[in-house]
Amino acid sequence: MLATDAAANTVTVGSRAELATSRVQVRNAVLHRDGGRVDAVKLRYHATPIPASVSAVEAGRHAKLEIELGESFDAASPGQAAVLLSGEAIVGHGTIAAAA
């Protein structure tokens, strides 16, 4: 799904290639460690972690955070959790707001 329009009651769909993204914006993010420690992200519960880096460098709460993906990911879904990793350790999380 590429877009929804509740007022028009429409859903825009596209090909798998059109769903691929290299950046994900998250809201209500929390970094438990320095952002430089983030080396991967999980964007779905059973998905394999993918290489990533974040725009913020300070630990703490962030209203918005951008995650740069090391490889493209198909269909990052707004409303789902993004789990930030350093190796196998969880070092932060946020709610996916948009994919670019």
Protein backbone atom coordinates (compact mmCIF):
# COMPACT_ATOMS: atom_id res chain seq x y z
CA MET A 1 0.00 0.00 0.00
CA LEU A 2 1.49 3.33 -1.07
CA ALA A 3 -1.14 5.68 0.35
CA THR A 4 -4.60 5.95 1.87
CA ASP A 5 -7.17 8.73 1.63
CA ALA A 6 -9.91 8.34 4.22
CA ALA A 7 -11.95 11.26 2.87
CA ALA A 8 -12.08 9.75 -0.62
CA ASN A 9 -12.23 6.20 0.77
CA THR A 10 -9.34 5.09 -1.48
CA VAL A 11 -6.19 3.01 -1.12
CA THR A 12 -3.29 3.38 -3.57
CA VAL A 13 -1.33 0.19 -4.23
CA GLY A 14 1.85 -0.35 -6.19
CA SER A 15 4.56 -2.84 -7.09
CA ARG A 16 7.04 -4.31 -4.61
CA ALA A 17 9.76 -2.04 -6.03
CA GLU A 18 7.62 1.03 -5.28
CA LEU A 19 7.29 -0.09 -1.66
CA ALA A 20 11.07 -0.30 -1.11
CA THR A 21 12.55 2.39 1.13
CA SER A 22 16.03 3.40 2.26
CA ARG A 23 14.98 5.78 5.09
CA VAL A 24 12.39 5.47 7.83
CA GLN A 25 11.12 8.26 10.06
CA VAL A 26 10.02 7.32 13.57
CA ARG A 27 8.18 9.28 16.23
CA ASN A 28 8.25 9.04 20.01
CA ALA A 29 11.70 7.48 19.82
CA VAL A 30 13.79 6.50 22.82
CA LEU A 31 17.53 5.88 22.65
CA HIS A 32 18.91 4.05 25.69
CA ARG A 33 22.47 4.51 24.37
CA ASP A 34 24.27 7.01 22.20
CA GLY A 35 22.86 6.98 18.64
CA GLY A 36 26.31 6.16 17.27
CA ARG A 37 25.94 2.69 18.82
CA VAL A 38 22.99 1.83 16.55
CA ASP A 39 24.14 -0.53 13.82
CA ALA A 40 20.88 -2.27 12.82
CA VAL A 41 17.10 -2.02 12.99
CA LYS A 42 14.23 -4.51 12.98
CA LEU A 43 11.15 -3.16 11.21
CA ARG A 44 8.99 -6.27 11.58
CA TYR A 45 8.79 -8.84 14.38
CA HIS A 46 10.15 -11.79 12.38
CA ALA A 47 12.31 -9.75 9.99
CA THR A 48 16.07 -10.07 9.91
CA PRO A 49 17.78 -6.98 11.33
CA ILE A 50 19.14 -4.72 8.59
CA PRO A 51 22.15 -2.40 8.82
CA ALA A 52 21.14 1.10 9.88
CA SER A 53 22.21 4.38 11.44
CA VAL A 54 20.19 7.14 13.12
CA SER A 55 20.13 10.91 12.84
CA ALA A 56 20.32 11.59 16.59
CA VAL A 57 23.47 11.15 18.62
CA GLU A 58 22.23 11.70 22.16
CA ALA A 59 20.57 9.12 24.39
CA GLY A 60 17.09 10.07 25.56
CA ARG A 61 13.65 10.80 24.13
CA HIS A 62 13.23 12.21 20.64
CA ALA A 63 9.97 13.45 19.12
CA LYS A 64 11.31 12.48 15.67
CA LEU A 65 14.22 10.41 14.49
CA GLU A 66 15.34 9.39 11.01
CA ILE A 67 16.80 5.96 10.37
CA GLU A 68 19.05 5.52 7.34
CA LEU A 69 18.88 1.91 6.14
CA GLY A 70 21.98 0.13 4.84
CA GLU A 71 19.82 -1.76 2.34
CA SER A 72 16.33 -1.21 0.99
CA PHE A 73 13.37 -2.62 2.89
CA ASP A 74 9.95 -3.44 1.43
CA ALA A 75 6.86 -1.97 3.03
CA ALA A 76 7.89 -0.26 6.26
CA SER A 77 4.47 0.20 7.86
CA PRO A 78 3.48 3.35 9.77
CA GLY A 79 2.29 2.50 13.26
CA GLN A 80 4.63 -0.49 13.63
CA ALA A 81 7.63 -0.52 15.96
CA ALA A 82 11.20 0.10 14.83
CA VAL A 83 13.62 -1.63 17.21
CA LEU A 84 17.13 -0.16 17.20
CA LEU A 85 20.00 -2.55 17.84
CA SER A 86 23.67 -2.55 18.70
CA GLY A 87 24.73 -6.07 17.82
CA GLU A 88 22.03 -8.18 19.46
CA ALA A 89 21.26 -5.65 22.22
CA ILE A 90 18.21 -3.40 21.99
CA VAL A 91 19.38 0.21 22.39
CA GLY A 92 16.22 2.06 21.36
CA HIS A 93 12.81 2.02 19.74
CA GLY A 94 10.21 4.21 18.09
CA THR A 95 6.97 4.10 16.14
CA ILE A 96 7.30 4.17 12.35
CA ALA A 97 5.77 7.43 11.10
CA ALA A 98 6.75 7.31 7.41
CA ALA A 99 9.08 5.68 4.92
CA ALA A 100 11.00 7.53 2.23
